N, C-alpha and C. Protein backbone atom coordinates (compact mmCIF):
# COMPACT_ATOMS: atom_id res chain seq x y z
N MET A 1 -7.10 -38.44 1.44
CA MET A 1 -7.63 -37.10 1.50
C MET A 1 -6.52 -36.14 1.92
N LEU A 2 -6.41 -35.02 1.23
CA LEU A 2 -5.39 -34.03 1.54
C LEU A 2 -5.78 -33.20 2.74
N ALA A 3 -4.79 -32.92 3.56
CA ALA A 3 -5.05 -32.06 4.71
C ALA A 3 -5.16 -30.61 4.24
N MET A 4 -6.17 -29.95 4.70
CA MET A 4 -6.41 -28.56 4.29
C MET A 4 -5.78 -27.62 5.31
N CYS A 5 -5.14 -26.61 4.82
CA CYS A 5 -4.55 -25.62 5.70
C CYS A 5 -5.66 -24.90 6.45
N PRO A 6 -5.63 -24.83 7.79
CA PRO A 6 -6.71 -24.19 8.54
C PRO A 6 -6.89 -22.72 8.17
N LEU A 7 -5.83 -22.06 7.71
CA LEU A 7 -5.95 -20.65 7.36
C LEU A 7 -6.84 -20.45 6.15
N LYS A 8 -6.89 -21.43 5.26
CA LYS A 8 -7.73 -21.31 4.07
C LYS A 8 -9.20 -21.36 4.43
N LEU A 9 -9.52 -21.95 5.56
CA LEU A 9 -10.92 -22.00 5.99
C LEU A 9 -11.43 -20.62 6.37
N PHE A 10 -10.56 -19.79 6.86
CA PHE A 10 -10.97 -18.48 7.37
C PHE A 10 -10.68 -17.33 6.42
N GLY A 11 -9.95 -17.55 5.37
CA GLY A 11 -9.71 -16.51 4.38
C GLY A 11 -8.55 -15.60 4.73
N PRO A 12 -8.38 -14.56 3.93
CA PRO A 12 -7.23 -13.67 4.05
C PRO A 12 -7.04 -13.00 5.41
N PRO A 13 -8.11 -12.54 6.11
CA PRO A 13 -7.84 -11.90 7.41
C PRO A 13 -7.14 -12.84 8.39
N ALA A 14 -7.53 -14.11 8.41
CA ALA A 14 -6.89 -15.05 9.32
C ALA A 14 -5.43 -15.26 8.92
N ALA A 15 -5.17 -15.30 7.61
CA ALA A 15 -3.80 -15.46 7.14
C ALA A 15 -2.95 -14.26 7.54
N LEU A 16 -3.53 -13.07 7.45
CA LEU A 16 -2.81 -11.86 7.85
C LEU A 16 -2.50 -11.88 9.33
N LEU A 17 -3.47 -12.26 10.14
CA LEU A 17 -3.25 -12.35 11.58
C LEU A 17 -2.17 -13.38 11.91
N ALA A 18 -2.19 -14.49 11.20
CA ALA A 18 -1.18 -15.52 11.43
C ALA A 18 0.20 -15.00 11.08
N ARG A 19 0.31 -14.24 9.97
CA ARG A 19 1.61 -13.68 9.59
C ARG A 19 2.10 -12.70 10.64
N LEU A 20 1.19 -11.88 11.16
CA LEU A 20 1.59 -10.92 12.19
C LEU A 20 1.99 -11.63 13.48
N TRP A 21 1.26 -12.69 13.82
CA TRP A 21 1.55 -13.43 15.04
C TRP A 21 2.86 -14.18 14.93
N LEU A 22 3.14 -14.72 13.75
CA LEU A 22 4.35 -15.50 13.56
C LEU A 22 5.57 -14.65 13.23
N ALA A 23 5.35 -13.38 12.88
CA ALA A 23 6.45 -12.51 12.50
C ALA A 23 7.31 -12.19 13.72
N PRO A 24 8.60 -12.03 13.51
CA PRO A 24 9.46 -11.64 14.64
C PRO A 24 9.14 -10.22 15.08
N ASP A 25 9.48 -9.93 16.32
CA ASP A 25 9.24 -8.58 16.84
C ASP A 25 9.97 -7.56 15.99
N VAL A 26 9.29 -6.48 15.70
CA VAL A 26 9.86 -5.41 14.90
C VAL A 26 10.18 -4.26 15.84
N VAL A 27 11.39 -3.80 15.80
CA VAL A 27 11.79 -2.68 16.64
C VAL A 27 11.58 -1.39 15.85
N GLN A 28 10.81 -0.49 16.43
CA GLN A 28 10.54 0.77 15.78
C GLN A 28 10.99 1.89 16.71
N LYS A 29 11.86 2.73 16.20
CA LYS A 29 12.34 3.84 17.00
C LYS A 29 11.30 4.95 16.95
N VAL A 30 10.86 5.37 18.11
CA VAL A 30 9.84 6.40 18.21
C VAL A 30 10.54 7.73 18.49
N ILE A 31 10.31 8.71 17.64
CA ILE A 31 10.90 10.03 17.83
C ILE A 31 9.96 10.85 18.69
N LYS A 32 10.49 11.35 19.81
CA LYS A 32 9.70 12.19 20.70
C LYS A 32 10.35 13.56 20.75
N HIS A 33 9.52 14.56 20.73
CA HIS A 33 10.02 15.93 20.77
C HIS A 33 9.97 16.47 22.19
N ASN A 34 10.95 17.29 22.53
CA ASN A 34 10.99 17.96 23.82
C ASN A 34 10.38 19.35 23.64
N TYR A 35 9.06 19.42 23.73
CA TYR A 35 8.35 20.66 23.45
C TYR A 35 8.67 21.77 24.45
N ASP A 36 9.13 21.40 25.64
CA ASP A 36 9.50 22.41 26.64
C ASP A 36 10.71 23.24 26.20
N LYS A 37 11.56 22.68 25.37
CA LYS A 37 12.78 23.37 24.96
C LYS A 37 12.73 23.87 23.52
N GLY A 38 11.53 23.98 22.97
CA GLY A 38 11.38 24.42 21.59
C GLY A 38 11.69 25.89 21.39
N ASN A 39 12.20 26.24 20.22
CA ASN A 39 12.47 27.62 19.86
C ASN A 39 11.23 28.15 19.11
N TYR A 40 10.23 28.54 19.90
CA TYR A 40 8.96 28.95 19.31
C TYR A 40 9.04 30.30 18.62
N GLU A 41 9.91 31.16 19.08
CA GLU A 41 10.08 32.46 18.41
C GLU A 41 10.68 32.25 17.02
N GLY A 42 11.68 31.39 16.91
CA GLY A 42 12.26 31.07 15.60
C GLY A 42 11.25 30.40 14.70
N MET A 43 10.43 29.51 15.28
CA MET A 43 9.39 28.84 14.51
C MET A 43 8.36 29.85 14.00
N ARG A 44 7.99 30.78 14.86
CA ARG A 44 7.02 31.81 14.48
C ARG A 44 7.57 32.68 13.35
N GLN A 45 8.84 33.07 13.46
CA GLN A 45 9.45 33.91 12.43
C GLN A 45 9.58 33.17 11.10
N SER A 46 9.91 31.89 11.15
CA SER A 46 10.05 31.14 9.90
C SER A 46 8.69 30.86 9.25
N SER A 47 7.63 31.00 10.02
CA SER A 47 6.28 30.77 9.49
C SER A 47 5.67 32.04 8.90
N GLN A 48 6.44 33.10 8.83
CA GLN A 48 5.95 34.36 8.27
C GLN A 48 6.00 34.29 6.75
N ILE A 49 5.20 33.41 6.19
CA ILE A 49 5.13 33.28 4.74
C ILE A 49 3.71 33.65 4.31
N ASN A 50 3.51 33.91 3.06
CA ASN A 50 2.19 34.27 2.55
C ASN A 50 1.39 32.98 2.34
N TRP A 51 0.68 32.57 3.40
CA TRP A 51 -0.08 31.33 3.35
C TRP A 51 -1.16 31.37 2.28
N LYS A 52 -1.80 32.52 2.14
CA LYS A 52 -2.87 32.63 1.16
C LYS A 52 -2.34 32.37 -0.25
N GLU A 53 -1.21 32.99 -0.56
CA GLU A 53 -0.61 32.79 -1.88
C GLU A 53 -0.17 31.34 -2.08
N LEU A 54 0.43 30.77 -1.06
CA LEU A 54 0.91 29.39 -1.14
C LEU A 54 -0.25 28.41 -1.36
N LEU A 55 -1.33 28.58 -0.59
CA LEU A 55 -2.43 27.62 -0.66
C LEU A 55 -3.35 27.84 -1.85
N LEU A 56 -3.49 29.09 -2.31
CA LEU A 56 -4.36 29.34 -3.46
C LEU A 56 -3.79 28.77 -4.75
N GLN A 57 -2.50 28.53 -4.79
CA GLN A 57 -1.88 27.90 -5.96
C GLN A 57 -2.37 26.47 -6.15
N LEU A 58 -2.98 25.91 -5.12
CA LEU A 58 -3.40 24.51 -5.14
C LEU A 58 -4.82 24.35 -5.66
N HIS A 59 -5.41 25.41 -6.18
CA HIS A 59 -6.71 25.38 -6.87
C HIS A 59 -7.83 24.80 -6.02
N ASN A 60 -7.90 25.22 -4.76
CA ASN A 60 -8.98 24.83 -3.84
C ASN A 60 -9.09 23.32 -3.63
N ASP A 61 -8.01 22.58 -3.80
CA ASP A 61 -8.01 21.16 -3.48
C ASP A 61 -7.67 21.04 -1.99
N ILE A 62 -8.69 20.83 -1.18
CA ILE A 62 -8.53 20.89 0.27
C ILE A 62 -7.56 19.84 0.80
N ASP A 63 -7.54 18.66 0.19
CA ASP A 63 -6.62 17.62 0.65
C ASP A 63 -5.17 18.02 0.41
N THR A 64 -4.90 18.59 -0.75
CA THR A 64 -3.54 19.04 -1.06
C THR A 64 -3.16 20.23 -0.20
N MET A 65 -4.12 21.11 0.06
CA MET A 65 -3.86 22.25 0.95
C MET A 65 -3.47 21.76 2.35
N TRP A 66 -4.23 20.79 2.87
CA TRP A 66 -3.94 20.25 4.19
C TRP A 66 -2.55 19.61 4.22
N LEU A 67 -2.24 18.80 3.20
CA LEU A 67 -0.93 18.14 3.16
C LEU A 67 0.21 19.15 3.07
N THR A 68 -0.01 20.24 2.34
CA THR A 68 1.00 21.29 2.24
C THR A 68 1.22 21.95 3.59
N PHE A 69 0.12 22.32 4.26
CA PHE A 69 0.23 22.93 5.58
C PHE A 69 0.89 21.99 6.57
N LYS A 70 0.46 20.72 6.56
CA LYS A 70 1.02 19.72 7.47
C LYS A 70 2.52 19.54 7.24
N HIS A 71 2.93 19.48 5.96
CA HIS A 71 4.35 19.35 5.63
C HIS A 71 5.13 20.55 6.17
N GLU A 72 4.61 21.75 5.98
CA GLU A 72 5.29 22.96 6.47
C GLU A 72 5.43 22.92 7.99
N LEU A 73 4.37 22.50 8.67
CA LEU A 73 4.41 22.43 10.13
C LEU A 73 5.39 21.36 10.61
N GLN A 74 5.38 20.20 9.97
CA GLN A 74 6.31 19.13 10.36
C GLN A 74 7.77 19.55 10.11
N HIS A 75 8.01 20.22 9.00
CA HIS A 75 9.35 20.69 8.69
C HIS A 75 9.84 21.66 9.77
N ARG A 76 8.99 22.57 10.16
CA ARG A 76 9.38 23.54 11.20
C ARG A 76 9.51 22.87 12.56
N THR A 77 8.70 21.88 12.83
CA THR A 77 8.82 21.16 14.10
C THR A 77 10.17 20.47 14.19
N LEU A 78 10.58 19.80 13.11
CA LEU A 78 11.89 19.16 13.11
C LEU A 78 13.03 20.16 13.22
N GLN A 79 12.81 21.35 12.66
CA GLN A 79 13.85 22.37 12.66
C GLN A 79 13.98 23.09 14.01
N PHE A 80 12.87 23.32 14.70
CA PHE A 80 12.91 24.18 15.89
C PHE A 80 12.59 23.49 17.21
N ILE A 81 12.15 22.24 17.18
CA ILE A 81 11.84 21.52 18.42
C ILE A 81 12.82 20.35 18.55
N PRO A 82 13.64 20.35 19.60
CA PRO A 82 14.62 19.26 19.74
C PRO A 82 13.94 17.94 20.07
N THR A 83 14.63 16.85 19.75
CA THR A 83 14.10 15.53 20.08
C THR A 83 14.75 15.04 21.37
N MET A 84 14.08 14.08 21.99
CA MET A 84 14.57 13.51 23.25
C MET A 84 15.10 12.12 22.99
N ARG A 85 15.98 11.68 23.84
CA ARG A 85 16.44 10.30 23.79
C ARG A 85 15.39 9.41 24.42
N ASN A 86 15.46 8.13 24.07
CA ASN A 86 14.57 7.15 24.67
C ASN A 86 14.94 7.02 26.14
N THR A 87 13.98 7.23 27.02
CA THR A 87 14.27 7.19 28.45
C THR A 87 13.91 5.87 29.10
N TRP A 88 13.55 4.88 28.28
CA TRP A 88 13.20 3.58 28.84
C TRP A 88 14.44 2.89 29.39
N LYS A 89 14.30 2.28 30.55
CA LYS A 89 15.42 1.59 31.18
C LYS A 89 15.72 0.27 30.49
N GLU A 90 14.68 -0.38 29.97
CA GLU A 90 14.87 -1.69 29.34
C GLU A 90 15.62 -1.52 28.02
N GLU A 91 16.56 -2.39 27.80
CA GLU A 91 17.30 -2.38 26.54
C GLU A 91 16.42 -2.90 25.43
N GLY A 92 16.44 -2.24 24.32
CA GLY A 92 15.69 -2.71 23.15
C GLY A 92 14.19 -2.59 23.31
N TYR A 93 13.72 -1.46 23.80
CA TYR A 93 12.28 -1.23 23.90
C TYR A 93 11.66 -1.52 22.53
N LYS A 94 10.63 -2.34 22.51
CA LYS A 94 10.04 -2.76 21.24
C LYS A 94 8.60 -2.30 21.16
N ARG A 95 8.24 -1.88 19.97
CA ARG A 95 6.86 -1.49 19.72
C ARG A 95 6.46 -2.13 18.39
N ALA A 96 5.53 -3.03 18.44
CA ALA A 96 5.07 -3.70 17.20
C ALA A 96 4.12 -2.78 16.48
N HIS A 97 4.20 -2.77 15.15
CA HIS A 97 3.25 -1.94 14.40
C HIS A 97 2.32 -2.78 13.63
């Protein structure tokens, strides 16, 4: 009689959990913004665009409108809010995803 793999008894979710459990630690660099030192006046001035004109071009597709607004906000955040260094004392801070 052939030995059956125990993961096959439980199906794909168990196999996925086993892969995650057996996978090596993945190091993910987390970008943190220093909101206290942000250039909010510059961000405000760069946001002086015609939002109505920009969003109405998207033909009332609310998901695309949201993604457009979110992209504009993220772009300005990267441009006007500085990032911080990792302040963890431990070398190689790891965060599994």
